C-alpha atoms as a PDB file:
ATOM      1  CA  MET A   1       0.075  -0.020  -0.037  1.00  0.00           C
ATOM      2  CA  ASP A   2       1.276   3.572  -1.008  1.00  0.00           C
ATOM      3  CA  HIS A   3       1.039   5.299   2.311  1.00  0.00           C
ATOM      4  CA  GLY A   4       3.169   8.201   1.346  1.00  0.00           C
ATOM      5  CA  HIS A   5       0.609   8.810  -1.657  1.00  0.00           C
ATOM      6  CA  GLY A   6      -2.391   8.511   0.740  1.00  0.00           C
ATOM      7  CA  HIS A   7      -1.134  11.004   3.235  1.00  0.00           C
ATOM      8  CA  ALA A   8      -0.368  13.174   0.431  1.00  0.00           C
ATOM      9  CA  SER A   9      -3.898  13.098  -0.825  1.00  0.00           C
ATOM     10  CA  ALA A  10      -5.372  13.678   2.673  1.00  0.00           C
ATOM     11  CA  SER A  11      -2.972  16.884   3.157  1.00  0.00           C
ATOM     12  CA  GLY A  12      -4.335  18.129  -0.162  1.00  0.00           C
ATOM     13  CA  ARG A  13      -7.853  17.959   1.101  1.00  0.00           C
ATOM     14  CA  HIS A  14      -6.622  19.863   4.231  1.00  0.00           C
ATOM     15  CA  LEU A  15      -4.889  22.641   2.218  1.00  0.00           C
ATOM     16  CA  GLY A  16      -7.998  24.238   1.001  1.00  0.00           C
ATOM     17  CA  ALA A  17      -9.678  24.391   4.309  1.00  0.00           C
ATOM     18  CA  LEU A  18      -6.406  25.848   6.007  1.00  0.00           C
ATOM     19  CA  THR A  19      -6.046  28.358   3.291  1.00  0.00           C
ATOM     20  CA  ALA A  20      -9.687  29.659   3.959  1.00  0.00           C
ATOM     21  CA  ALA A  21      -9.344  29.581   7.708  1.00  0.00           C
ATOM     22  CA  PHE A  22      -5.954  31.524   7.296  1.00  0.00           C
ATOM     23  CA  VAL A  23      -7.558  34.202   5.222  1.00  0.00           C
ATOM     24  CA  ILE A  24     -10.634  34.703   7.893  1.00  0.00           C
ATOM     25  CA  THR A  25      -8.444  34.745  10.849  1.00  0.00           C
ATOM     26  CA  ALA A  26      -5.831  37.078   9.351  1.00  0.00           C
ATOM     27  CA  ALA A  27      -8.555  39.643   8.107  1.00  0.00           C
ATOM     28  CA  PHE A  28     -10.355  39.454  11.559  1.00  0.00           C
ATOM     29  CA  MET A  29      -6.996  39.671  13.720  1.00  0.00           C
ATOM     30  CA  VAL A  30      -6.312  43.094  12.389  1.00  0.00           C
ATOM     31  CA  VAL A  31      -9.975  44.490  13.465  1.00  0.00           C
ATOM     32  CA  GLU A  32      -9.741  42.809  16.903  1.00  0.00           C
ATOM     33  CA  LEU A  33      -6.086  43.884  17.744  1.00  0.00           C
ATOM     34  CA  ALA A  34      -6.618  47.458  16.718  1.00  0.00           C
ATOM     35  CA  THR A  35     -10.120  47.493  18.878  1.00  0.00           C
ATOM     36  CA  GLY A  36      -8.266  45.894  21.719  1.00  0.00           C
ATOM     37  CA  LEU A  37      -5.627  48.482  21.794  1.00  0.00           C
ATOM     38  CA  ALA A  38      -8.130  51.115  21.622  1.00  0.00           C
ATOM     39  CA  THR A  39     -10.419  50.348  24.279  1.00  0.00           C
ATOM     40  CA  SER A  40      -7.512  48.756  26.609  1.00  0.00           C
ATOM     41  CA  SER A  41      -9.811  45.666  27.045  1.00  0.00           C
ATOM     42  CA  LEU A  42      -7.521  42.613  28.276  1.00  0.00           C
ATOM     43  CA  ALA A  43     -10.299  40.041  27.367  1.00  0.00           C
ATOM     44  CA  LEU A  44     -10.339  41.574  23.659  1.00  0.00           C
ATOM     45  CA  LEU A  45      -6.672  41.546  23.817  1.00  0.00           C
ATOM     46  CA  SER A  46      -6.196  38.222  25.122  1.00  0.00           C
ATOM     47  CA  ASP A  47      -8.426  37.168  22.215  1.00  0.00           C
ATOM     48  CA  ALA A  48      -6.768  39.067  19.768  1.00  0.00           C
ATOM     49  CA  ALA A  49      -3.429  37.458  20.999  1.00  0.00           C
ATOM     50  CA  HIS A  50      -5.086  34.103  20.380  1.00  0.00           C
ATOM     51  CA  MET A  51      -6.288  35.371  17.002  1.00  0.00           C
ATOM     52  CA  VAL A  52      -2.375  35.977  16.298  1.00  0.00           C
ATOM     53  CA  THR A  53      -1.351  32.673  17.135  1.00  0.00           C
ATOM     54  CA  ASP A  54      -4.128  31.276  15.028  1.00  0.00           C
ATOM     55  CA  VAL A  55      -2.789  33.192  11.894  1.00  0.00           C
ATOM     56  CA  VAL A  56       0.658  31.864  12.640  1.00  0.00           C
ATOM     57  CA  GLY A  57      -0.433  28.448  13.574  1.00  0.00           C
ATOM     58  CA  VAL A  58      -2.588  28.098  10.400  1.00  0.00           C
ATOM     59  CA  GLY A  59       0.289  29.458   8.421  1.00  0.00           C
ATOM     60  CA  LEU A  60       2.759  26.942   9.931  1.00  0.00           C
ATOM     61  CA  ALA A  61       0.305  24.060   9.342  1.00  0.00           C
ATOM     62  CA  LEU A  62       0.073  25.391   5.662  1.00  0.00           C
ATOM     63  CA  VAL A  63       4.004  25.575   5.188  1.00  0.00           C
ATOM     64  CA  ALA A  64       4.167  21.953   6.639  1.00  0.00           C
ATOM     65  CA  ILE A  65       1.775  20.642   4.180  1.00  0.00           C
ATOM     66  CA  LEU A  66       3.604  22.128   1.377  1.00  0.00           C
ATOM     67  CA  ALA A  67       6.811  20.991   2.743  1.00  0.00           C
ATOM     68  CA  ALA A  68       5.457  17.495   3.217  1.00  0.00           C
ATOM     69  CA  ARG A  69       4.104  17.458  -0.448  1.00  0.00           C
ATOM     70  CA  ARG A  70       7.783  17.888  -1.674  1.00  0.00           C
ATOM     71  CA  ALA A  71       8.941  14.691   0.494  1.00  0.00           C
ATOM     72  CA  LYS A  72      10.382  12.788  -2.562  1.00  0.00           C
ATOM     73  CA  THR A  73      12.317  15.796  -4.269  1.00  0.00           C
ATOM     74  CA  ARG A  74      15.639  14.307  -2.895  1.00  0.00           C
ATOM     75  CA  ALA A  75      16.869  10.882  -2.489  1.00  0.00           C
ATOM     76  CA  SER A  76      18.394  11.444   0.956  1.00  0.00           C
ATOM     77  CA  ARG A  77      15.041  12.430   2.396  1.00  0.00           C
ATOM     78  CA  THR A  78      14.071   8.770   3.189  1.00  0.00           C
ATOM     79  CA  PHE A  79      11.166   9.485   5.177  1.00  0.00           C
ATOM     80  CA  GLY A  80      10.220  12.806   3.338  1.00  0.00           C
ATOM     81  CA  LEU A  81       9.301  15.880   5.239  1.00  0.00           C
ATOM     82  CA  TYR A  82       6.316  14.429   6.878  1.00  0.00           C
ATOM     83  CA  ARG A  83       7.618  15.551  10.457  1.00  0.00           C
ATOM     84  CA  ALA A  84       7.122  19.018   9.455  1.00  0.00           C
ATOM     85  CA  GLU A  85       3.721  18.633  10.404  1.00  0.00           C
ATOM     86  CA  VAL A  86       4.408  17.655  13.799  1.00  0.00           C
ATOM     87  CA  LEU A  87       6.980  20.295  14.445  1.00  0.00           C
ATOM     88  CA  ALA A  88       4.388  22.760  13.175  1.00  0.00           C
ATOM     89  CA  ALA A  89       1.866  21.396  15.766  1.00  0.00           C
ATOM     90  CA  LEU A  90       4.383  21.638  18.470  1.00  0.00           C
ATOM     91  CA  ALA A  91       5.155  25.195  17.540  1.00  0.00           C
ATOM     92  CA  ASN A  92       1.554  25.937  17.756  1.00  0.00           C
ATOM     93  CA  ALA A  93       1.618  24.499  21.490  1.00  0.00           C
ATOM     94  CA  VAL A  94       4.473  26.752  22.351  1.00  0.00           C
ATOM     95  CA  LEU A  95       2.656  29.769  21.219  1.00  0.00           C
ATOM     96  CA  LEU A  96      -0.396  29.005  23.094  1.00  0.00           C
ATOM     97  CA  PHE A  97       1.473  28.770  26.175  1.00  0.00           C
ATOM     98  CA  GLY A  98       3.266  31.829  25.717  1.00  0.00           C
ATOM     99  CA  VAL A  99      -0.176  33.731  25.247  1.00  0.00           C
ATOM    100  CA  ALA A 100      -1.819  32.108  28.404  1.00  0.00           C
ATOM    101  CA  ALA A 101       1.322  33.092  30.462  1.00  0.00           C
ATOM    102  CA  TYR A 102       0.981  36.646  29.157  1.00  0.00           C
ATOM    103  CA  VAL A 103      -2.686  37.076  29.818  1.00  0.00           C
ATOM    104  CA  LEU A 104      -2.478  35.441  33.154  1.00  0.00           C
ATOM    105  CA  VAL A 105       0.284  37.952  34.313  1.00  0.00           C
ATOM    106  CA  GLU A 106      -1.263  40.967  32.756  1.00  0.00           C
ATOM    107  CA  ALA A 107      -4.871  40.070  34.381  1.00  0.00           C
ATOM    108  CA  VAL A 108      -3.150  39.537  37.785  1.00  0.00           C
ATOM    109  CA  LEU A 109      -1.435  43.090  37.592  1.00  0.00           C
ATOM    110  CA  ARG A 110      -4.636  44.636  36.595  1.00  0.00           C
ATOM    111  CA  PHE A 111      -6.811  43.386  39.416  1.00  0.00           C
ATOM    112  CA  ALA A 112      -5.086  46.027  41.734  1.00  0.00           C
ATOM    113  CA  ASP A 113      -6.551  48.924  39.403  1.00  0.00           C
ATOM    114  CA  PRO A 114      -8.569  47.655  36.684  1.00  0.00           C
ATOM    115  CA  PRO A 115      -8.943  50.234  33.911  1.00  0.00           C
ATOM    116  CA  ALA A 116     -12.526  51.333  32.605  1.00  0.00           C
ATOM    117  CA  VAL A 117     -13.158  49.466  29.549  1.00  0.00           C
ATOM    118  CA  PRO A 118     -16.098  50.541  27.137  1.00  0.00           C
ATOM    119  CA  GLY A 119     -18.512  47.371  26.756  1.00  0.00           C
ATOM    120  CA  GLY A 120     -20.191  48.445  23.724  1.00  0.00           C
ATOM    121  CA  PRO A 121     -17.330  48.261  21.414  1.00  0.00           C
ATOM    122  CA  VAL A 122     -15.946  45.397  22.752  1.00  0.00           C
ATOM    123  CA  LEU A 123     -19.264  43.450  22.652  1.00  0.00           C
ATOM    124  CA  VAL A 124     -19.598  44.232  18.821  1.00  0.00           C
ATOM    125  CA  VAL A 125     -16.032  43.192  17.843  1.00  0.00           C
ATOM    126  CA  ALA A 126     -16.559  39.845  20.163  1.00  0.00           C
ATOM    127  CA  ALA A 127     -19.737  39.072  18.152  1.00  0.00           C
ATOM    128  CA  LEU A 128     -17.858  39.393  14.869  1.00  0.00           C
ATOM    129  CA  GLY A 129     -14.816  37.435  16.212  1.00  0.00           C
ATOM    130  CA  LEU A 130     -17.188  34.760  17.029  1.00  0.00           C
ATOM    131  CA  VAL A 131     -18.599  34.491  13.660  1.00  0.00           C
ATOM    132  CA  ALA A 132     -15.189  34.476  12.184  1.00  0.00           C
ATOM    133  CA  ASN A 133     -14.020  31.754  14.532  1.00  0.00           C
ATOM    134  CA  LEU A 134     -17.239  29.448  14.023  1.00  0.00           C
ATOM    135  CA  ALA A 135     -16.393  29.732  10.088  1.00  0.00           C
ATOM    136  CA  ALA A 136     -12.641  28.803  10.701  1.00  0.00           C
ATOM    137  CA  PHE A 137     -13.722  26.122  13.231  1.00  0.00           C
ATOM    138  CA  ALA A 138     -16.057  24.426  10.630  1.00  0.00           C
ATOM    139  CA  LEU A 139     -13.545  24.450   7.959  1.00  0.00           C
ATOM    140  CA  LEU A 140     -10.940  22.665  10.008  1.00  0.00           C
ATOM    141  CA  ARG A 141     -13.226  20.187  12.311  1.00  0.00           C
ATOM    142  CA  LYS A 142     -13.189  17.228   9.962  1.00  0.00           C
ATOM    143  CA  GLY A 143      -9.377  17.545   9.301  1.00  0.00           C
ATOM    144  CA  SER A 144      -8.374  17.799  12.989  1.00  0.00           C
ATOM    145  CA  ALA A 145      -9.383  13.995  13.356  1.00  0.00           C
ATOM    146  CA  GLU A 146      -6.943  13.184  10.274  1.00  0.00           C
ATOM    147  CA  SER A 147      -3.956  15.144  10.891  1.00  0.00           C
ATOM    148  CA  LEU A 148      -2.045  16.482  14.223  1.00  0.00           C
ATOM    149  CA  ASN A 149      -0.759  19.417  12.208  1.00  0.00           C
ATOM    150  CA  VAL A 150      -4.502  20.390  11.377  1.00  0.00           C
ATOM    151  CA  ARG A 151      -5.644  19.565  14.777  1.00  0.00           C
ATOM    152  CA  GLY A 152      -2.988  21.855  16.086  1.00  0.00           C
ATOM    153  CA  ALA A 153      -4.642  24.860  14.170  1.00  0.00           C
ATOM    154  CA  TYR A 154      -8.153  23.650  15.116  1.00  0.00           C
ATOM    155  CA  LEU A 155      -7.519  23.728  18.871  1.00  0.00           C
ATOM    156  CA  GLU A 156      -6.075  27.149  18.367  1.00  0.00           C
ATOM    157  CA  VAL A 157      -9.200  28.011  16.463  1.00  0.00           C
ATOM    158  CA  LEU A 158     -11.431  26.392  19.344  1.00  0.00           C
ATOM    159  CA  ALA A 159      -9.696  28.161  22.038  1.00  0.00           C
ATOM    160  CA  ASP A 160     -10.188  31.392  20.294  1.00  0.00           C
ATOM    161  CA  LEU A 161     -13.910  30.399  19.861  1.00  0.00           C
ATOM    162  CA  VAL A 162     -14.204  30.018  23.720  1.00  0.00           C
ATOM    163  CA  GLY A 163     -12.478  33.246  24.074  1.00  0.00           C
ATOM    164  CA  SER A 164     -14.763  35.260  21.910  1.00  0.00           C
ATOM    165  CA  LEU A 165     -17.674  33.612  23.966  1.00  0.00           C
ATOM    166  CA  GLY A 166     -15.682  34.808  27.157  1.00  0.00           C
ATOM    167  CA  VAL A 167     -15.268  38.572  25.560  1.00  0.00           C
ATOM    168  CA  LEU A 168     -18.927  38.738  24.829  1.00  0.00           C
ATOM    169  CA  VAL A 169     -19.798  37.788  28.267  1.00  0.00           C
ATOM    170  CA  SER A 170     -17.275  40.459  29.919  1.00  0.00           C
ATOM    171  CA  GLY A 171     -18.455  43.056  27.480  1.00  0.00           C
ATOM    172  CA  ALA A 172     -22.034  42.415  28.399  1.00  0.00           C
ATOM    173  CA  VAL A 173     -21.312  42.526  32.154  1.00  0.00           C
ATOM    174  CA  THR A 174     -19.144  45.734  31.592  1.00  0.00           C
ATOM    175  CA  LEU A 175     -21.997  47.700  29.615  1.00  0.00           C
ATOM    176  CA  LEU A 176     -24.846  46.438  31.975  1.00  0.00           C
ATOM    177  CA  PHE A 177     -23.235  46.809  35.366  1.00  0.00           C
ATOM    178  CA  GLY A 178     -20.177  48.825  34.820  1.00  0.00           C
ATOM    179  CA  TRP A 179     -18.047  45.897  36.906  1.00  0.00           C
ATOM    180  CA  ARG A 180     -14.510  46.765  35.904  1.00  0.00           C
ATOM    181  CA  TYR A 181     -13.153  43.295  37.084  1.00  0.00           C
ATOM    182  CA  ALA A 182     -15.132  41.587  34.605  1.00  0.00           C
ATOM    183  CA  ASP A 183     -12.481  42.106  31.763  1.00  0.00           C
ATOM    184  CA  PRO A 184      -9.426  40.813  34.100  1.00  0.00           C
ATOM    185  CA  VAL A 185     -11.450  37.816  35.390  1.00  0.00           C
ATOM    186  CA  MET A 186     -12.583  36.774  31.836  1.00  0.00           C
ATOM    187  CA  GLY A 187      -8.932  37.032  30.625  1.00  0.00           C
ATOM    188  CA  VAL A 188      -7.735  34.705  33.719  1.00  0.00           C
ATOM    189  CA  ALA A 189     -10.580  32.403  32.622  1.00  0.00           C
ATOM    190  CA  ILE A 190      -9.628  32.111  28.928  1.00  0.00           C
ATOM    191  CA  GLY A 191      -5.908  31.572  29.937  1.00  0.00           C
ATOM    192  CA  LEU A 192      -6.804  28.828  32.017  1.00  0.00           C
ATOM    193  CA  TRP A 193      -8.978  27.198  29.882  1.00  0.00           C
ATOM    194  CA  VAL A 194      -6.545  27.195  26.910  1.00  0.00           C
ATOM    195  CA  LEU A 195      -3.527  25.485  29.102  1.00  0.00           C
ATOM    196  CA  PRO A 196      -4.664  21.937  29.466  1.00  0.00           C
ATOM    197  CA  ARG A 197      -5.561  21.552  25.923  1.00  0.00           C
ATOM    198  CA  THR A 198      -2.288  23.065  24.892  1.00  0.00           C
ATOM    199  CA  TRP A 199      -0.467  20.588  26.972  1.00  0.00           C
ATOM    200  CA  THR A 200      -2.472  17.678  25.331  1.00  0.00           C
ATOM    201  CA  LEU A 201      -1.141  19.057  21.755  1.00  0.00           C
ATOM    202  CA  ALA A 202       2.424  19.390  23.081  1.00  0.00           C
ATOM    203  CA  ARG A 203       2.430  15.956  24.595  1.00  0.00           C
ATOM    204  CA  ARG A 204       1.112  14.316  21.523  1.00  0.00           C
ATOM    205  CA  SER A 205       3.669  16.142  19.383  1.00  0.00           C
ATOM    206  CA  LEU A 206       6.465  15.120  21.733  1.00  0.00           C
ATOM    207  CA  ARG A 207       5.515  11.418  21.839  1.00  0.00           C
ATOM    208  CA  ILE A 208       5.818  11.474  17.934  1.00  0.00           C
ATOM    209  CA  LEU A 209       9.165  13.384  17.895  1.00  0.00           C
ATOM    210  CA  PHE A 210      10.688  10.990  20.493  1.00  0.00           C
ATOM    211  CA  GLN A 211       9.549   8.199  18.583  1.00  0.00           C
ATOM    212  CA  HIS A 212       7.382   6.486  21.366  1.00  0.00           C
ATOM    213  CA  ALA A 213       4.933   3.782  20.170  1.00  0.00           C
ATOM    214  CA  PRO A 214       1.242   5.121  19.681  1.00  0.00           C
ATOM    215  CA  GLU A 215      -0.761   5.077  22.792  1.00  0.00           C
ATOM    216  CA  ARG A 216      -3.239   2.652  21.376  1.00  0.00           C
ATOM    217  CA  VAL A 217      -0.512   0.024  20.578  1.00  0.00           C
ATOM    218  CA  ASP A 218       0.557  -2.478  23.476  1.00  0.00           C
ATOM    219  CA  VAL A 219       4.136  -3.295  22.423  1.00  0.00           C
ATOM    220  CA  GLU A 220       4.301  -6.129  24.645  1.00  0.00           C
ATOM    221  CA  LEU A 221       1.215  -7.696  23.501  1.00  0.00           C
ATOM    222  CA  LEU A 222       2.147  -7.224  19.997  1.00  0.00           C
ATOM    223  CA  THR A 223       5.613  -8.891  20.741  1.00  0.00           C
ATOM    224  CA  LYS A 224       3.562 -11.986  22.144  1.00  0.00           C
ATOM    225  CA  SER A 225       1.161 -12.082  19.091  1.00  0.00           C
ATOM    226  CA  LEU A 226       4.091 -12.522  16.792  1.00  0.00           C
ATOM    227  CA  SER A 227       6.215 -14.732  19.091  1.00  0.00           C
ATOM    228  CA  ALA A 228       2.824 -17.080  19.066  1.00  0.00           C
ATOM    229  CA  LEU A 229       3.111 -17.667  15.213  1.00  0.00           C
ATOM    230  CA  GLU A 230       4.013 -21.032  13.968  1.00  0.00           C
ATOM    231  CA  GLY A 231       7.551 -21.579  13.141  1.00  0.00           C
ATOM    232  CA  VAL A 232       8.575 -18.345  15.320  1.00  0.00           C
ATOM    233  CA  ARG A 233      10.982 -19.169  17.913  1.00  0.00           C
ATOM    234  CA  GLU A 234      11.752 -15.565  19.263  1.00  0.00           C
ATOM    235  CA  VAL A 235      10.902 -11.842  18.414  1.00  0.00           C
ATOM    236  CA  HIS A 236      13.265  -9.159  19.095  1.00  0.00           C
ATOM    237  CA  ASP A 237      14.279  -5.524  18.139  1.00  0.00           C
ATOM    238  CA  VAL A 238      10.589  -4.430  17.992  1.00  0.00           C
ATOM    239  CA  HIS A 239      10.001  -0.843  17.165  1.00  0.00           C
ATOM    240  CA  VAL A 240       6.686   0.880  16.797  1.00  0.00           C
ATOM    241  CA  TRP A 241       6.482   4.664  16.208  1.00  0.00           C
ATOM    242  CA  THR A 242       4.705   7.170  14.373  1.00  0.00           C
ATOM    243  CA  LEU A 243       5.911   9.212  11.379  1.00  0.00           C
ATOM    244  CA  THR A 244       3.267  11.490  11.269  1.00  0.00           C
ATOM    245  CA  SER A 245      -0.469  11.658  11.794  1.00  0.00           C
ATOM    246  CA  GLY A 246      -2.076   8.693  10.235  1.00  0.00           C
ATOM    247  CA  MET A 247       1.303   7.301   9.326  1.00  0.00           C
ATOM    248  CA  GLU A 248       2.337   4.590  11.863  1.00  0.00           C
ATOM    249  CA  VAL A 249       5.398   2.236  11.336  1.00  0.00           C
ATOM    250  CA  ALA A 250       6.684  -0.941  12.676  1.00  0.00           C
ATOM    251  CA  SER A 251       9.740  -3.073  12.358  1.00  0.00           C
ATOM    252  CA  ALA A 252      10.965  -6.380  14.055  1.00  0.00           C
ATOM    253  CA  HIS A 253      13.355  -9.344  13.939  1.00  0.00           C
ATOM    254  CA  LEU A 254      11.798 -12.640  13.940  1.00  0.00           C
ATOM    255  CA  THR A 255      13.974 -15.731  14.736  1.00  0.00           C
ATOM    256  CA  VAL A 256      12.456 -18.784  13.036  1.00  0.00           C
ATOM    257  CA  THR A 257      13.195 -22.406  13.155  1.00  0.00           C
ATOM    258  CA  ALA A 258      15.176 -24.028  10.254  1.00  0.00           C
ATOM    259  CA  GLY A 259      13.241 -25.654   7.479  1.00  0.00           C
ATOM    260  CA  THR A 260      10.152 -23.461   7.892  1.00  0.00           C
ATOM    261  CA  ASP A 261       8.197 -21.674   5.114  1.00  0.00           C
ATOM    262  CA  GLN A 262       9.460 -18.161   5.411  1.00  0.00           C
ATOM    263  CA  ALA A 263       7.532 -16.452   2.975  1.00  0.00           C
ATOM    264  CA  GLY A 264       4.531 -17.838   4.919  1.00  0.00           C
ATOM    265  CA  ILE A 265       5.520 -16.737   8.211  1.00  0.00           C
ATOM    266  CA  LEU A 266       6.509 -13.110   6.805  1.00  0.00           C
ATOM    267  CA  ARG A 267       2.699 -12.929   5.029  1.00  0.00           C
ATOM    268  CA  THR A 268       1.042 -14.108   8.402  1.00  0.00           C
ATOM    269  CA  ALA A 269       3.134 -11.705  10.393  1.00  0.00           C
ATOM    270  CA  GLN A 270       2.204  -8.873   8.312  1.00  0.00           C
ATOM    271  CA  ARG A 271      -1.396  -9.910   8.283  1.00  0.00           C
ATOM    272  CA  VAL A 272      -1.501 -10.059  12.149  1.00  0.00           C
ATOM    273  CA  LEU A 273       0.190  -6.400  12.470  1.00  0.00           C
ATOM    274  CA  ALA A 274      -2.214  -5.481   9.858  1.00  0.00           C
ATOM    275  CA  ASP A 275      -5.487  -6.817  11.264  1.00  0.00           C
ATOM    276  CA  GLU A 276      -4.966  -6.792  14.725  1.00  0.00           C
ATOM    277  CA  TYR A 277      -2.776  -3.514  15.185  1.00  0.00           C
ATOM    278  CA  GLN A 278      -3.804  -1.509  12.235  1.00  0.00           C
ATOM    279  CA  LEU A 279       0.121  -1.419  11.390  1.00  0.00           C
ATOM    280  CA  GLU A 280       0.046  -1.982   7.678  1.00  0.00           C
ATOM    281  CA  HIS A 281       3.578  -0.571   7.078  1.00  0.00           C
ATOM    282  CA  ALA A 282       5.738  -3.126   8.904  1.00  0.00           C
ATOM    283  CA  THR A 283       9.523  -3.922   7.924  1.00  0.00           C
ATOM    284  CA  LEU A 284      10.226  -7.469   9.237  1.00  0.00           C
ATOM    285  CA  GLN A 285      13.527  -9.316   9.058  1.00  0.00           C
ATOM    286  CA  LEU A 286      13.588 -13.238   9.333  1.00  0.00           C
ATOM    287  CA  GLU A 287      16.669 -14.881  10.578  1.00  0.00           C
ATOM    288  CA  SER A 288      18.272 -17.876  12.064  1.00  0.00           C
ATOM    289  CA  GLY A 289      19.639 -18.354  15.570  1.00  0.00           C
ATOM    290  CA  GLU A 290      23.365 -17.225  14.466  1.00  0.00           C
ATOM    291  CA  ALA A 291      21.971 -13.945  13.004  1.00  0.00           C
ATOM    292  CA  ALA A 292      19.624 -13.142  16.215  1.00  0.00           C
ATOM    293  CA  ALA A 293      22.953 -13.560  18.454  1.00  0.00           C
ATOM    294  CA  GLY A 294      24.516 -10.720  16.302  1.00  0.00           C
ATOM    295  CA  CYS A 295      21.617  -8.581  17.046  1.00  0.00           C
ATOM    296  CA  ARG A 296      22.186  -9.115  20.893  1.00  0.00           C
ATOM    297  CA  GLU A 297      25.529  -7.893  20.857  1.00  0.00           C
ATOM    298  CA  LEU A 298      24.576  -4.396  19.912  1.00  0.00           C
ATOM    299  CA  ARG A 299      24.911  -2.047  22.692  1.00  0.00           C
ATOM    300  CA  TRP A 300      21.797   0.386  21.694  1.00  0.00           C
END
């Protein structure tokens, strides 16, 4: 099966949605940032900062997909440039951590003397931001289930969507009751809401970059499944990792008994990995006891 081609096709489907989301968020970012600076609204500025990370994050996602589509332009890139998508997702997480930290610190400083924030302009801009975020959210929702890269951009838009709702609430409270603490309180709430989702994205990205096995795969159980095959004496050097979203790879050495049908064992092992563990790209080496002894001499 041509997994690289399949992933490239999926990336192509995501490209249009990401481009549209990028245009929407970039256009509204300018409006929201300008209004936030003019009104001194921390809630609006925090939402504008999220919008900036949306633009940067979606832009990184676009660049990553374009880079991945050039995966085979050089023979030395044996794994292509698919990891660019994971790096983009990690960069998005770092950006979100930075924004959340800024908002929390600024909000604490403002509690001592909260500035007067005009609720009307904040309310109008927040409503427009909500519409823009809903459009971007709808564009990226499907792709977020297929690509970690698109999921990074999707989570940023989702965080900004919640932020827009929060700004709407703070603007309405300020307009109706004149409570100055509504703005910094909502800024803190938005920052705290973003942090756990950002950590999840960062953790998933780091698992891939450190080449951990996918969370859904029990490596010990997989090794036992291969060891139980007829003609297999031992299984060692088992590795399972994720290249990028939707591209999971495995390799293993199988020590087989002499005189067995090695081609049959290979087909059966590949079928077990594909059917039971959804690992369709597996490199399996069948070897005798003497060759296995050489593997054990390796120190890493």
